[in-house]
Amino acid sequence: MTAKLFAWAWAYLRYLPPGVARAVFTLVADACWALRLGDYDLFEANLLAARPGLDERGRRRLLRAAYRSMLRNYCDGFCLPGWSEFERLGRVRVADLRTADGTPTLEVVQEHLRKGRAVVAALAHSGSWDQAGAWAVERLGSVVTVAERLEPAAIFDSFVAFREGLGMHVVPLDASATVFKTLTRAARDGKFIPLLCDRDLTASGVEVDFLGRRARFAPGPAALAEAAGAVLVAIHIRYEKRLWTPRPPEPGVWAWLRRRLRTREWGIVISFSEPLDVPDQPAGGEADVRGRAARVRYRTQAAADFLGAHIRVWPEDWHMMQRVFTD
């Protein structure tokens, strides 16, 4: 039944007016929040790590916003195949973050990809990563990523077909060594490889300081960058509501009408970190970064620092209902 419901949503929700689809999913989100569905207590505990000290009213408002953000992610995923290229790109804004020399971090990523050097991106479960993936196919070229196997298998197959329909190449995650080998080959071919890292899916997670607590992060992005000599960056994705025109520019009277049809609509903001390199010796000299394992730990911690700083500001867009913290 669940698999059929997902298939129905992907097939038909794209034909609903955007406002109707959003309203339906907002109602579902509020019902889930009111009924405390899902792992409500763990979800709350994770979010309060980013916003400690909230009173009861603040907690409830944060959880309600988080449920709405999570269901918005599903709504966007179901409707995304029906969006035009103009809509897919128009709903995305890249944050103006820059390196120490003033170069926009997005330009740094694009320059490495133009030169044929792969870029591995460490992501959190925040915002709409499917929207970001569709944008990356258009703006960064070939995208290779990993999908965690879901049950029932029909839902997993639907997710793979959906993401490959957007232009991404999806590698199913399993316990074999072939996944890492496949990603290494993709990195050596100069691909853009976004990987979720804020939850450890195996027993080999790296323990990091995250939101002021100890957490286990997946070492995959840093390990892949080390093995393939790729650039490693961290990427945070969040939602924002802004004015935009949902159609391409047209001359004459259509331009006049379009100015009056501008509406406030949800889009996403993508924030790129600068490359997470390992210095010859970290400041203070307290960390030993000799050896690949130590370099992987250092770069994973750097990704956790970047993601944690953004999640503290926009915790409602962090869709994490699973255990993250080791305590």
Protein backbone atom coordinates (compact mmCIF):
# COMPACT_ATOMS: atom_id res chain seq x y z
CA MET A 1 0.00 0.00 0.00
CA THR A 2 2.84 2.40 0.87
CA ALA A 3 4.60 1.66 -2.42
CA LYS A 4 1.39 2.26 -4.37
CA LEU A 5 0.81 5.53 -2.52
CA PHE A 6 4.30 6.77 -3.42
CA ALA A 7 3.81 5.72 -7.07
CA TRP A 8 0.46 7.54 -7.18
CA ALA A 9 2.00 10.69 -5.69
CA TRP A 10 4.82 10.79 -8.25
CA ALA A 11 2.37 10.16 -11.09
CA TYR A 12 -0.35 12.69 -10.24
CA LEU A 13 0.66 15.34 -7.68
CA ARG A 14 2.64 17.25 -10.29
CA TYR A 15 -0.66 18.17 -11.99
CA LEU A 16 -2.10 19.90 -8.94
CA PRO A 17 -1.72 23.68 -8.64
CA PRO A 18 1.39 24.28 -6.48
CA GLY A 19 -0.60 26.09 -3.81
CA VAL A 20 -3.05 23.19 -3.47
CA ALA A 21 -0.31 20.58 -3.14
CA ARG A 22 1.54 22.68 -0.56
CA ALA A 23 -1.67 23.24 1.45
CA VAL A 24 -2.41 19.50 1.55
CA PHE A 25 1.08 18.64 2.74
CA THR A 26 0.99 21.43 5.33
CA LEU A 27 -2.21 19.96 6.75
CA VAL A 28 -0.61 16.50 6.85
CA ALA A 29 2.45 17.96 8.58
CA ASP A 30 0.33 19.67 11.23
CA ALA A 31 -1.57 16.43 11.84
CA CYS A 32 1.69 14.49 12.23
CA TRP A 33 2.96 17.14 14.64
CA ALA A 34 -0.24 17.22 16.69
CA LEU A 35 -0.39 13.41 16.91
CA ARG A 36 3.36 13.16 17.60
CA LEU A 37 3.81 10.69 14.74
CA GLY A 38 7.19 9.28 13.82
CA ASP A 39 9.94 9.22 16.42
CA TYR A 40 8.76 12.53 17.85
CA ASP A 41 10.89 12.43 21.02
CA LEU A 42 14.13 11.67 19.17
CA PHE A 43 13.31 14.29 16.54
CA GLU A 44 12.79 16.84 19.31
CA ALA A 45 16.01 15.83 21.08
CA ASN A 46 18.03 16.25 17.89
CA LEU A 47 16.57 19.68 17.18
CA LEU A 48 17.08 20.86 20.76
CA ALA A 49 20.78 20.11 20.39
CA ALA A 50 20.78 23.00 17.89
CA ARG A 51 18.48 25.19 20.02
CA PRO A 52 19.05 24.33 23.69
CA GLY A 53 17.16 26.25 26.34
CA LEU A 54 13.86 26.65 24.50
CA ASP A 55 10.76 26.80 26.64
CA GLU A 56 7.78 24.51 26.00
CA ARG A 57 6.13 26.92 23.58
CA GLY A 58 9.38 27.37 21.66
CA ARG A 59 9.86 23.61 21.43
CA ARG A 60 6.39 23.07 20.01
CA ARG A 61 6.81 25.85 17.46
CA LEU A 62 10.19 24.47 16.38
CA LEU A 63 8.79 20.93 16.01
CA ARG A 64 5.81 22.19 14.04
CA ALA A 65 8.07 24.11 11.65
CA ALA A 66 10.31 21.03 11.32
CA TYR A 67 7.40 18.75 10.42
CA ARG A 68 6.24 21.27 7.84
CA SER A 69 9.73 21.48 6.35
CA MET A 70 9.99 17.69 6.17
CA LEU A 71 6.62 17.31 4.43
CA ARG A 72 7.53 20.21 2.13
CA ASN A 73 10.55 18.16 1.08
CA TYR A 74 8.26 15.25 0.16
CA CYS A 75 5.87 17.56 -1.69
CA ASP A 76 8.70 19.05 -3.74
CA GLY A 77 10.06 15.59 -4.51
CA PHE A 78 6.72 14.37 -5.82
CA CYS A 79 6.13 17.52 -7.91
CA LEU A 80 9.71 18.00 -9.12
CA PRO A 81 9.42 15.75 -12.23
CA GLY A 82 6.71 18.06 -13.55
CA TRP A 83 8.71 21.27 -13.15
CA SER A 84 10.29 22.94 -16.17
CA GLU A 85 14.01 23.71 -16.27
CA PHE A 86 13.15 27.34 -15.55
CA GLU A 87 11.28 26.32 -12.40
CA ARG A 88 13.98 23.91 -11.22
CA LEU A 89 16.64 26.59 -11.51
CA GLY A 90 14.45 29.51 -10.41
CA ARG A 91 13.62 27.92 -7.07
CA VAL A 92 17.31 27.66 -6.12
CA ARG A 93 19.56 30.39 -4.76
CA VAL A 94 23.25 29.96 -3.93
CA ALA A 95 24.41 31.73 -0.77
CA ASP A 96 27.14 34.31 -1.32
CA LEU A 97 29.89 32.61 0.69
CA ARG A 98 33.49 33.36 -0.23
CA THR A 99 36.98 32.05 0.42
CA ALA A 100 39.63 34.03 2.26
CA ASP A 101 40.73 35.70 -1.00
CA GLY A 102 37.16 36.76 -1.86
CA THR A 103 36.36 34.11 -4.48
CA PRO A 104 32.78 32.80 -4.32
CA THR A 105 32.86 29.22 -3.08
CA LEU A 106 30.57 28.09 -5.93
CA GLU A 107 33.09 29.39 -8.45
CA VAL A 108 35.83 27.39 -6.73
CA VAL A 109 33.77 24.21 -7.13
CA GLN A 110 32.94 24.98 -10.77
CA GLU A 111 36.58 25.72 -11.58
CA HIS A 112 37.76 22.37 -10.20
CA LEU A 113 35.09 20.54 -12.18
CA ARG A 114 36.00 22.41 -15.37
CA LYS A 115 39.60 21.25 -14.91
CA GLY A 116 38.44 17.65 -14.60
CA ARG A 117 39.01 17.29 -10.85
CA ALA A 118 36.19 15.63 -8.93
CA VAL A 119 34.38 17.40 -6.10
CA VAL A 120 32.96 15.36 -3.21
CA ALA A 121 30.28 17.15 -1.17
CA ALA A 122 29.32 16.26 2.41
CA LEU A 123 25.62 17.02 3.02
CA ALA A 124 23.23 16.92 5.94
CA HIS A 125 19.62 15.72 5.80
CA SER A 126 18.42 19.31 5.43
CA GLY A 127 16.23 21.19 2.98
CA SER A 128 15.41 19.49 -0.31
CA TRP A 129 18.48 17.60 -1.50
CA ASP A 130 16.57 16.30 -4.54
CA GLN A 131 15.98 19.89 -5.68
CA ALA A 132 19.66 20.58 -5.09
CA GLY A 133 20.59 17.48 -7.09
CA ALA A 134 18.44 18.56 -10.05
CA TRP A 135 20.06 22.01 -9.91
CA ALA A 136 23.54 20.45 -9.76
CA VAL A 137 22.86 18.39 -12.90
CA GLU A 138 22.12 21.64 -14.75
CA ARG A 139 24.89 23.77 -13.22
CA LEU A 140 27.70 21.39 -12.24
CA GLY A 141 27.46 18.57 -14.78
CA SER A 142 27.45 14.85 -14.11
CA VAL A 143 26.21 13.97 -10.61
CA VAL A 144 26.86 10.61 -8.93
CA THR A 145 25.34 9.84 -5.53
CA VAL A 146 24.37 6.97 -3.21
CA ALA A 147 20.90 5.86 -2.13
CA GLU A 148 20.24 3.96 1.09
CA ARG A 149 18.18 0.83 0.49
CA LEU A 150 14.59 1.22 1.72
CA GLU A 151 11.83 -1.25 2.47
CA PRO A 152 9.72 -2.22 0.68
CA ALA A 153 12.00 -2.58 -2.34
CA ALA A 154 9.40 -1.02 -4.64
CA ILE A 155 9.80 2.33 -2.84
CA PHE A 156 13.58 2.15 -3.18
CA ASP A 157 13.23 1.39 -6.90
CA SER A 158 10.88 4.35 -7.26
CA PHE A 159 13.35 6.71 -5.56
CA VAL A 160 16.18 5.48 -7.80
CA ALA A 161 14.06 5.92 -10.94
CA PHE A 162 12.99 9.41 -9.77
CA ARG A 163 16.56 10.60 -9.17
CA GLU A 164 17.91 9.04 -12.34
CA GLY A 165 15.03 10.74 -14.19
CA LEU A 166 16.47 14.05 -12.98
CA GLY A 167 19.83 13.17 -14.53
CA MET A 168 21.68 11.77 -11.50
CA HIS A 169 23.48 8.42 -11.47
CA VAL A 170 22.49 6.53 -8.31
CA VAL A 171 24.61 3.85 -6.67
CA PRO A 172 22.63 1.60 -4.26
CA LEU A 173 24.20 1.45 -0.81
CA ASP A 174 24.99 -2.05 0.49
CA ALA A 175 27.60 -3.75 2.62
CA SER A 176 29.88 -4.72 -0.26
CA ALA A 177 33.10 -2.97 -1.22
CA THR A 178 31.84 -2.31 -4.75
CA VAL A 179 30.09 0.92 -3.72
CA PHE A 180 33.34 2.61 -2.70
CA LYS A 181 35.10 1.29 -5.83
CA THR A 182 32.31 2.64 -8.03
CA LEU A 183 32.49 6.05 -6.36
CA THR A 184 36.29 6.08 -6.63
CA ARG A 185 36.06 5.48 -10.39
CA ALA A 186 33.50 8.28 -10.66
CA ALA A 187 35.81 10.60 -8.71
CA ARG A 188 38.73 9.80 -10.99
CA ASP A 189 36.49 10.69 -13.93
CA GLY A 190 35.96 14.18 -12.48
CA LYS A 191 32.33 13.85 -11.34
CA PHE A 192 30.41 15.83 -8.74
CA ILE A 193 29.60 13.41 -5.89
CA PRO A 194 27.22 14.61 -3.13
CA LEU A 195 26.95 12.24 -0.15
CA LEU A 196 24.90 12.52 3.04
CA CYS A 197 27.15 12.31 6.08
CA ASP A 198 25.29 13.45 9.20
CA ARG A 199 24.22 9.95 10.18
CA ASP A 200 26.46 6.91 10.43
CA LEU A 201 24.98 4.02 8.46
CA THR A 202 27.66 1.48 9.39
CA ALA A 203 29.76 0.56 12.40
CA SER A 204 32.72 2.54 11.06
CA GLY A 205 31.43 6.05 11.77
CA VAL A 206 33.74 8.86 12.83
CA GLU A 207 32.97 10.46 16.18
CA VAL A 208 32.93 14.26 15.91
CA ASP A 209 31.94 17.34 17.90
CA PHE A 210 28.58 18.39 16.45
CA LEU A 211 26.24 21.01 17.91
CA GLY A 212 28.18 20.90 21.16
CA ARG A 213 27.80 17.13 21.59
CA ARG A 214 29.49 13.95 20.40
CA ALA A 215 27.99 12.44 17.27
CA ARG A 216 28.81 9.78 14.69
CA PHE A 217 29.27 10.95 11.11
CA ALA A 218 29.76 8.80 8.02
CA PRO A 219 33.43 8.92 6.94
CA GLY A 220 32.57 8.22 3.30
CA PRO A 221 32.93 11.74 1.82
CA ALA A 222 36.32 12.41 3.43
CA ALA A 223 37.58 8.87 2.76
CA LEU A 224 36.56 9.11 -0.90
CA ALA A 225 38.26 12.50 -1.30
CA GLU A 226 41.43 11.09 0.24
CA ALA A 227 41.42 7.93 -1.87
CA ALA A 228 40.72 9.68 -5.18
CA GLY A 229 42.54 12.97 -4.62
CA ALA A 230 39.27 14.86 -4.99
CA VAL A 231 38.22 18.21 -3.56
CA LEU A 232 36.02 17.94 -0.44
CA VAL A 233 33.43 20.59 0.39
CA ALA A 234 30.44 20.70 2.74
CA ILE A 235 27.02 21.80 1.52
CA HIS A 236 24.06 22.97 3.59
CA ILE A 237 20.57 23.23 2.07
CA ARG A 238 17.68 25.11 3.61
CA TYR A 239 14.31 26.53 2.63
CA GLU A 240 13.39 30.18 2.18
CA LYS A 241 10.24 31.92 1.03
CA ARG A 242 10.73 34.68 -1.51
CA LEU A 243 9.07 36.48 -4.41
CA TRP A 244 9.64 34.98 -7.84
CA THR A 245 7.96 34.71 -11.24
CA PRO A 246 7.02 31.11 -12.06
CA ARG A 247 7.40 31.54 -15.85
CA PRO A 248 10.17 32.67 -18.23
CA PRO A 249 10.23 36.34 -19.29
CA GLU A 250 7.88 37.29 -22.13
CA PRO A 251 7.53 40.65 -23.91
CA GLY A 252 4.69 43.14 -24.03
CA VAL A 253 1.51 42.72 -22.05
CA TRP A 254 2.73 39.39 -20.61
CA ALA A 255 5.52 41.18 -18.79
CA TRP A 256 2.97 43.53 -17.23
CA LEU A 257 0.79 40.60 -16.12
CA ARG A 258 3.77 38.64 -14.84
CA ARG A 259 4.78 41.46 -12.51
CA ARG A 260 1.34 41.18 -10.93
CA LEU A 261 1.44 37.41 -10.76
CA ARG A 262 4.60 37.30 -8.69
CA THR A 263 3.98 35.32 -5.55
CA ARG A 264 5.87 34.34 -2.45
CA GLU A 265 6.97 30.77 -3.01
CA TRP A 266 9.25 28.33 -1.21
CA GLY A 267 12.67 27.73 -2.71
CA ILE A 268 15.99 26.44 -1.40
CA VAL A 269 19.29 28.09 -0.54
CA ILE A 270 22.50 26.11 -1.14
CA SER A 271 25.58 27.07 0.88
CA PHE A 272 28.98 25.79 -0.29
CA SER A 273 31.92 25.70 2.08
CA GLU A 274 35.42 26.39 0.87
CA PRO A 275 37.50 23.24 0.19
CA LEU A 276 38.03 21.30 3.43
CA ASP A 277 41.76 20.73 3.11
CA VAL A 278 44.10 19.46 5.80
CA PRO A 279 46.79 22.00 6.73
CA ASP A 280 50.37 20.91 7.26
CA GLN A 281 49.71 21.32 10.96
CA PRO A 282 46.41 22.58 12.44
CA ALA A 283 46.51 25.74 14.49
CA GLY A 284 47.82 25.11 17.98
CA GLY A 285 49.61 21.94 16.94
CA GLU A 286 47.33 19.79 19.09
CA ALA A 287 46.06 17.49 16.30
CA ASP A 288 48.18 14.93 14.50
CA VAL A 289 47.07 14.63 10.87
CA ARG A 290 49.70 12.16 9.73
CA GLY A 291 48.17 9.16 8.01
CA ARG A 292 44.99 8.73 5.99
CA ALA A 293 42.78 7.82 8.97
CA ALA A 294 43.75 10.99 10.83
CA ARG A 295 43.17 13.09 7.71
CA VAL A 296 39.71 11.53 7.27
CA ARG A 297 38.83 12.36 10.89
CA TYR A 298 40.06 15.95 10.51
CA ARG A 299 38.11 16.58 7.29
CA THR A 300 34.96 14.92 8.66
CA GLN A 301 35.16 17.21 11.69
CA ALA A 302 35.56 20.22 9.37
CA ALA A 303 32.38 19.19 7.53
CA ALA A 304 30.57 18.76 10.88
CA ASP A 305 31.65 22.26 11.94
CA PHE A 306 30.29 23.84 8.75
CA LEU A 307 27.01 21.94 8.81
CA GLY A 308 26.52 22.47 12.54
CA ALA A 309 26.99 26.24 12.22
CA HIS A 310 24.19 26.40 9.62
CA ILE A 311 21.87 23.97 11.41
CA ARG A 312 22.07 26.13 14.54
CA VAL A 313 20.60 29.01 12.53
CA TRP A 314 18.01 26.97 10.57
CA PRO A 315 17.28 23.88 12.73
CA GLU A 316 13.74 23.46 11.39
CA ASP A 317 15.12 22.32 8.03
CA TRP A 318 17.20 19.50 9.53
CA HIS A 319 15.10 16.39 8.91
CA MET A 320 16.74 13.97 11.32
CA MET A 321 14.52 11.47 13.11
CA GLN A 322 17.29 8.89 13.62
CA ARG A 323 19.89 8.62 16.32
CA VAL A 324 22.94 10.82 15.70
CA PHE A 325 24.47 11.59 19.09
CA THR A 326 26.46 8.95 20.92
CA ASP A 327 24.97 9.85 24.31
